[in-house]
Amino acid sequence: MTLRIALALLLTAPLLAGCFERGQPVMVDTSADDDAFCRANNVAPGSNEYVNCRKNRDVQRGNANARSDRAQRNLAEHMLNNPVRP
């Protein structure tokens, strides 16, 4: 009997792992990507244009995260308000 319970837990744990990951802060260092992007656009490091380029990249990333979170909230709200009844 305990073998069945252990096997069931072993099989369901990976399925539930994705649920716990949503909403966790992701600590990704994107400074190298931003630096490469700004340098590729012929912006010299240390100049005002470079600082503006990096700020714009931060704003774009924040907007993308906000859109993603809003879409997730809208989906959850839609699922709560519109249950599917067979």
C-alpha atoms as a PDB file:
ATOM      1  CA  MET A   1       0.000   0.000   0.000  1.00  0.00           C
ATOM      2  CA  THR A   2       2.793   2.458   0.856  1.00  0.00           C
ATOM      3  CA  LEU A   3       4.452   1.633  -2.448  1.00  0.00           C
ATOM      4  CA  ARG A   4       1.331   2.773  -4.302  1.00  0.00           C
ATOM      5  CA  ILE A   5       1.196   6.042  -2.365  1.00  0.00           C
ATOM      6  CA  ALA A   6       4.889   6.678  -2.963  1.00  0.00           C
ATOM      7  CA  LEU A   7       4.473   5.956  -6.672  1.00  0.00           C
ATOM      8  CA  ALA A   8       1.452   8.253  -6.909  1.00  0.00           C
ATOM      9  CA  LEU A   9       3.365  11.074  -5.211  1.00  0.00           C
ATOM     10  CA  LEU A  10       6.350  10.476  -7.450  1.00  0.00           C
ATOM     11  CA  LEU A  11       4.182  10.760 -10.560  1.00  0.00           C
ATOM     12  CA  THR A  12       2.184  13.817  -9.486  1.00  0.00           C
ATOM     13  CA  ALA A  13       5.065  15.900  -8.077  1.00  0.00           C
ATOM     14  CA  PRO A  14       6.434  16.997 -11.496  1.00  0.00           C
ATOM     15  CA  LEU A  15       2.933  17.956 -12.623  1.00  0.00           C
ATOM     16  CA  LEU A  16       2.430  20.221  -9.607  1.00  0.00           C
ATOM     17  CA  ALA A  17       5.889  21.779  -9.790  1.00  0.00           C
ATOM     18  CA  GLY A  18       4.773  24.167 -12.546  1.00  0.00           C
ATOM     19  CA  CYS A  19       1.978  25.514 -10.337  1.00  0.00           C
ATOM     20  CA  PHE A  20       4.419  26.570  -7.654  1.00  0.00           C
ATOM     21  CA  GLU A  21       6.741  28.300 -10.103  1.00  0.00           C
ATOM     22  CA  ARG A  22       4.235  30.927 -11.278  1.00  0.00           C
ATOM     23  CA  GLY A  23       4.683  34.214  -9.477  1.00  0.00           C
ATOM     24  CA  GLN A  24       8.171  33.502  -8.229  1.00  0.00           C
ATOM     25  CA  PRO A  25      10.658  36.231  -9.022  1.00  0.00           C
ATOM     26  CA  VAL A  26      13.080  35.243 -11.703  1.00  0.00           C
ATOM     27  CA  MET A  27      16.525  36.579 -11.027  1.00  0.00           C
ATOM     28  CA  VAL A  28      17.961  36.818 -14.504  1.00  0.00           C
ATOM     29  CA  ASP A  29      20.815  39.146 -15.272  1.00  0.00           C
ATOM     30  CA  THR A  30      19.802  40.885 -18.494  1.00  0.00           C
ATOM     31  CA  SER A  31      22.446  43.594 -18.345  1.00  0.00           C
ATOM     32  CA  ALA A  32      24.639  41.823 -20.903  1.00  0.00           C
ATOM     33  CA  ASP A  33      21.734  41.566 -23.354  1.00  0.00           C
ATOM     34  CA  ASP A  34      20.843  45.213 -22.859  1.00  0.00           C
ATOM     35  CA  ASP A  35      24.457  46.238 -23.266  1.00  0.00           C
ATOM     36  CA  ALA A  36      24.805  44.212 -26.467  1.00  0.00           C
ATOM     37  CA  PHE A  37      21.571  45.669 -27.844  1.00  0.00           C
ATOM     38  CA  CYS A  38      22.624  49.257 -27.164  1.00  0.00           C
ATOM     39  CA  ARG A  39      26.130  48.720 -28.552  1.00  0.00           C
ATOM     40  CA  ALA A  40      24.676  47.096 -31.677  1.00  0.00           C
ATOM     41  CA  ASN A  41      22.778  50.332 -32.293  1.00  0.00           C
ATOM     42  CA  ASN A  42      26.085  52.235 -32.292  1.00  0.00           C
ATOM     43  CA  VAL A  43      25.543  53.872 -28.920  1.00  0.00           C
ATOM     44  CA  ALA A  44      28.748  54.606 -27.009  1.00  0.00           C
ATOM     45  CA  PRO A  45      28.799  53.381 -23.383  1.00  0.00           C
ATOM     46  CA  GLY A  46      28.709  56.240 -20.902  1.00  0.00           C
ATOM     47  CA  SER A  47      26.885  58.642 -23.188  1.00  0.00           C
ATOM     48  CA  ASN A  48      23.423  60.044 -22.550  1.00  0.00           C
ATOM     49  CA  GLU A  49      22.074  58.006 -25.466  1.00  0.00           C
ATOM     50  CA  TYR A  50      23.441  54.830 -23.859  1.00  0.00           C
ATOM     51  CA  VAL A  51      21.750  55.620 -20.546  1.00  0.00           C
ATOM     52  CA  ASN A  52      18.483  56.350 -22.361  1.00  0.00           C
ATOM     53  CA  CYS A  53      18.793  53.118 -24.332  1.00  0.00           C
ATOM     54  CA  ARG A  54      19.248  51.085 -21.137  1.00  0.00           C
ATOM     55  CA  LYS A  55      16.323  52.872 -19.450  1.00  0.00           C
ATOM     56  CA  ASN A  56      14.100  52.205 -22.469  1.00  0.00           C
ATOM     57  CA  ARG A  57      15.011  48.510 -22.342  1.00  0.00           C
ATOM     58  CA  ASP A  58      14.069  48.406 -18.653  1.00  0.00           C
ATOM     59  CA  VAL A  59      10.746  50.097 -19.363  1.00  0.00           C
ATOM     60  CA  GLN A  60      10.008  47.707 -22.236  1.00  0.00           C
ATOM     61  CA  ARG A  61      10.793  44.701 -20.036  1.00  0.00           C
ATOM     62  CA  GLY A  62       8.564  46.052 -17.260  1.00  0.00           C
ATOM     63  CA  ASN A  63       5.717  46.636 -19.705  1.00  0.00           C
ATOM     64  CA  ALA A  64       6.064  43.106 -21.088  1.00  0.00           C
ATOM     65  CA  ASN A  65       5.958  41.661 -17.559  1.00  0.00           C
ATOM     66  CA  ALA A  66       2.902  43.765 -16.720  1.00  0.00           C
ATOM     67  CA  ARG A  67       1.116  42.573 -19.893  1.00  0.00           C
ATOM     68  CA  SER A  68       1.935  38.965 -19.057  1.00  0.00           C
ATOM     69  CA  ASP A  69       0.659  39.316 -15.497  1.00  0.00           C
ATOM     70  CA  ARG A  70      -2.497  41.092 -16.679  1.00  0.00           C
ATOM     71  CA  ALA A  71      -3.176  38.349 -19.227  1.00  0.00           C
ATOM     72  CA  GLN A  72      -2.744  35.699 -16.526  1.00  0.00           C
ATOM     73  CA  ARG A  73      -5.137  37.531 -14.197  1.00  0.00           C
ATOM     74  CA  ASN A  74      -7.681  37.972 -17.004  1.00  0.00           C
ATOM     75  CA  LEU A  75      -7.519  34.279 -17.832  1.00  0.00           C
ATOM     76  CA  ALA A  76      -7.981  33.279 -14.201  1.00  0.00           C
ATOM     77  CA  GLU A  77     -10.883  35.691 -13.811  1.00  0.00           C
ATOM     78  CA  HIS A  78     -12.506  34.395 -16.998  1.00  0.00           C
ATOM     79  CA  MET A  79     -12.141  30.811 -15.805  1.00  0.00           C
ATOM     80  CA  LEU A  80     -13.720  31.670 -12.451  1.00  0.00           C
ATOM     81  CA  ASN A  81     -16.617  33.610 -13.948  1.00  0.00           C
ATOM     82  CA  ASN A  82     -17.356  31.263 -16.854  1.00  0.00           C
ATOM     83  CA  PRO A  83     -17.231  27.661 -15.646  1.00  0.00           C
ATOM     84  CA  VAL A  84     -17.655  25.010 -18.300  1.00  0.00           C
ATOM     85  CA  ARG A  85     -20.597  22.765 -17.571  1.00  0.00           C
ATOM     86  CA  PRO A  86     -20.855  19.558 -19.571  1.00  0.00           C
END
